[in-house]
Amino acid sequence: TGSNTLWAGVPLVTYAGEKMAARVAAGMNKGLWAEHYIARTRQEYEDMAVALYSSRGRVAEGLKEGLKRNRLQAPLFDTEGMVEALERAYEMAYDVWEEGERYM
């Protein structure tokens, strides 16, 4: 999957077009501070993929290390932060529900 790819430090080139999966992949790139892998056009998508393939080796290793470094701080893999935000959302939803019950 896309998240496994990013966790491994492999660039995830995507074109956020009509398909939901592509928009999800673009969101994952944003969550890992890797927006530069989101193509705005199909031609840009193709050019980006070819450029990455052509630069494999030293350049690719640098990209991989950058993605691996980002994963330790970026929101995409901040499980603790996501859990805390979800817990706050549940508490807020309960508070709204509880207030509504008092006025019924």
Protein backbone atom coordinates (compact mmCIF):
# COMPACT_ATOMS: atom_id res chain seq x y z
CA THR A 1 0.00 0.00 0.00
CA GLY A 2 0.95 3.64 -0.20
CA SER A 3 1.67 4.00 3.48
CA ASN A 4 3.94 0.94 3.44
CA THR A 5 5.76 2.39 0.45
CA LEU A 6 6.33 5.70 2.21
CA TRP A 7 7.34 4.00 5.46
CA ALA A 8 10.03 2.13 3.51
CA GLY A 9 11.31 5.45 2.21
CA VAL A 10 10.23 4.87 -1.38
CA PRO A 11 8.86 7.96 -3.14
CA LEU A 12 5.15 7.69 -3.93
CA VAL A 13 4.51 9.61 -7.13
CA THR A 14 0.83 10.39 -7.57
CA TYR A 15 -1.51 12.44 -9.68
CA ALA A 16 -4.44 13.59 -7.56
CA GLY A 17 -7.07 13.36 -10.26
CA GLU A 18 -10.52 11.83 -10.38
CA LYS A 19 -9.87 8.58 -8.52
CA MET A 20 -10.21 8.43 -4.76
CA ALA A 21 -7.08 6.26 -4.39
CA ALA A 22 -4.97 8.93 -6.07
CA ARG A 23 -6.36 11.61 -3.78
CA VAL A 24 -5.63 9.40 -0.76
CA ALA A 25 -2.06 8.91 -1.97
CA ALA A 26 -1.72 12.69 -2.39
CA GLY A 27 -2.97 13.13 1.17
CA MET A 28 -0.41 10.64 2.44
CA ASN A 29 2.35 12.57 0.66
CA LYS A 30 1.14 15.77 2.30
CA GLY A 31 1.11 14.02 5.67
CA LEU A 32 4.76 13.11 5.16
CA TRP A 33 5.77 16.57 3.89
CA ALA A 34 6.40 15.07 0.44
CA GLU A 35 4.09 17.28 -1.63
CA HIS A 36 6.76 17.49 -4.33
CA TYR A 37 5.71 13.97 -5.39
CA ILE A 38 2.16 15.11 -6.22
CA ALA A 39 1.85 15.80 -9.94
CA ARG A 40 -0.60 18.46 -11.16
CA THR A 41 -0.98 16.97 -14.62
CA ARG A 42 -0.67 13.56 -16.22
CA GLN A 43 2.40 14.75 -18.13
CA GLU A 44 4.03 15.98 -14.92
CA TYR A 45 3.25 12.58 -13.35
CA GLU A 46 4.97 10.77 -16.20
CA ASP A 47 7.95 13.15 -16.21
CA MET A 48 8.36 12.79 -12.44
CA ALA A 49 8.28 8.98 -12.59
CA VAL A 50 10.81 8.88 -15.42
CA ALA A 51 13.10 11.35 -13.62
CA LEU A 52 13.01 9.32 -10.41
CA TYR A 53 13.73 6.11 -12.30
CA SER A 54 16.59 7.77 -14.15
CA SER A 55 18.14 9.11 -10.95
CA ARG A 56 18.23 5.82 -9.09
CA GLY A 57 21.41 5.21 -7.18
CA ARG A 58 22.95 7.98 -5.09
CA VAL A 59 20.17 10.50 -5.68
CA ALA A 60 17.52 7.89 -4.96
CA GLU A 61 19.25 6.94 -1.71
CA GLY A 62 19.18 10.59 -0.65
CA LEU A 63 15.46 10.77 -1.38
CA LYS A 64 14.88 7.55 0.54
CA GLU A 65 16.79 8.79 3.57
CA GLY A 66 14.83 12.07 3.50
CA LEU A 67 11.51 10.22 3.53
CA LYS A 68 12.68 7.95 6.34
CA ARG A 69 13.76 10.99 8.37
CA ASN A 70 10.40 12.68 7.81
CA ARG A 71 8.44 9.65 8.95
CA LEU A 72 9.73 10.10 12.50
CA GLN A 73 8.21 13.59 12.79
CA ALA A 74 5.50 13.94 10.15
CA PRO A 75 1.78 13.74 10.93
CA LEU A 76 1.20 10.72 8.65
CA PHE A 77 2.92 8.32 11.04
CA ASP A 78 2.20 10.15 14.31
CA THR A 79 -0.02 7.41 15.73
CA GLU A 80 -0.01 8.85 19.26
CA GLY A 81 -1.07 12.26 17.96
CA MET A 82 -3.83 10.75 15.85
CA VAL A 83 -5.15 8.74 18.80
CA GLU A 84 -5.16 11.85 21.01
CA ALA A 85 -7.04 13.83 18.35
CA LEU A 86 -9.57 11.02 17.93
CA GLU A 87 -10.11 10.80 21.69
CA ARG A 88 -10.71 14.57 21.83
CA ALA A 89 -13.20 14.26 18.97
CA TYR A 90 -15.08 11.50 20.80
CA GLU A 91 -15.18 13.62 23.95
CA MET A 92 -16.47 16.62 22.02
CA ALA A 93 -19.14 14.51 20.29
CA TYR A 94 -20.24 13.11 23.64
CA ASP A 95 -20.41 16.60 25.14
CA VAL A 96 -22.60 17.78 22.26
CA TRP A 97 -24.83 14.73 22.62
CA GLU A 98 -25.07 15.19 26.39
CA GLU A 99 -26.02 18.87 26.03
CA GLY A 100 -28.66 17.96 23.47
CA GLU A 101 -30.17 15.35 25.80
CA ARG A 102 -30.70 17.99 28.50
CA TYR A 103 -32.85 20.10 26.22
CA MET A 104 -35.10 17.37 24.86
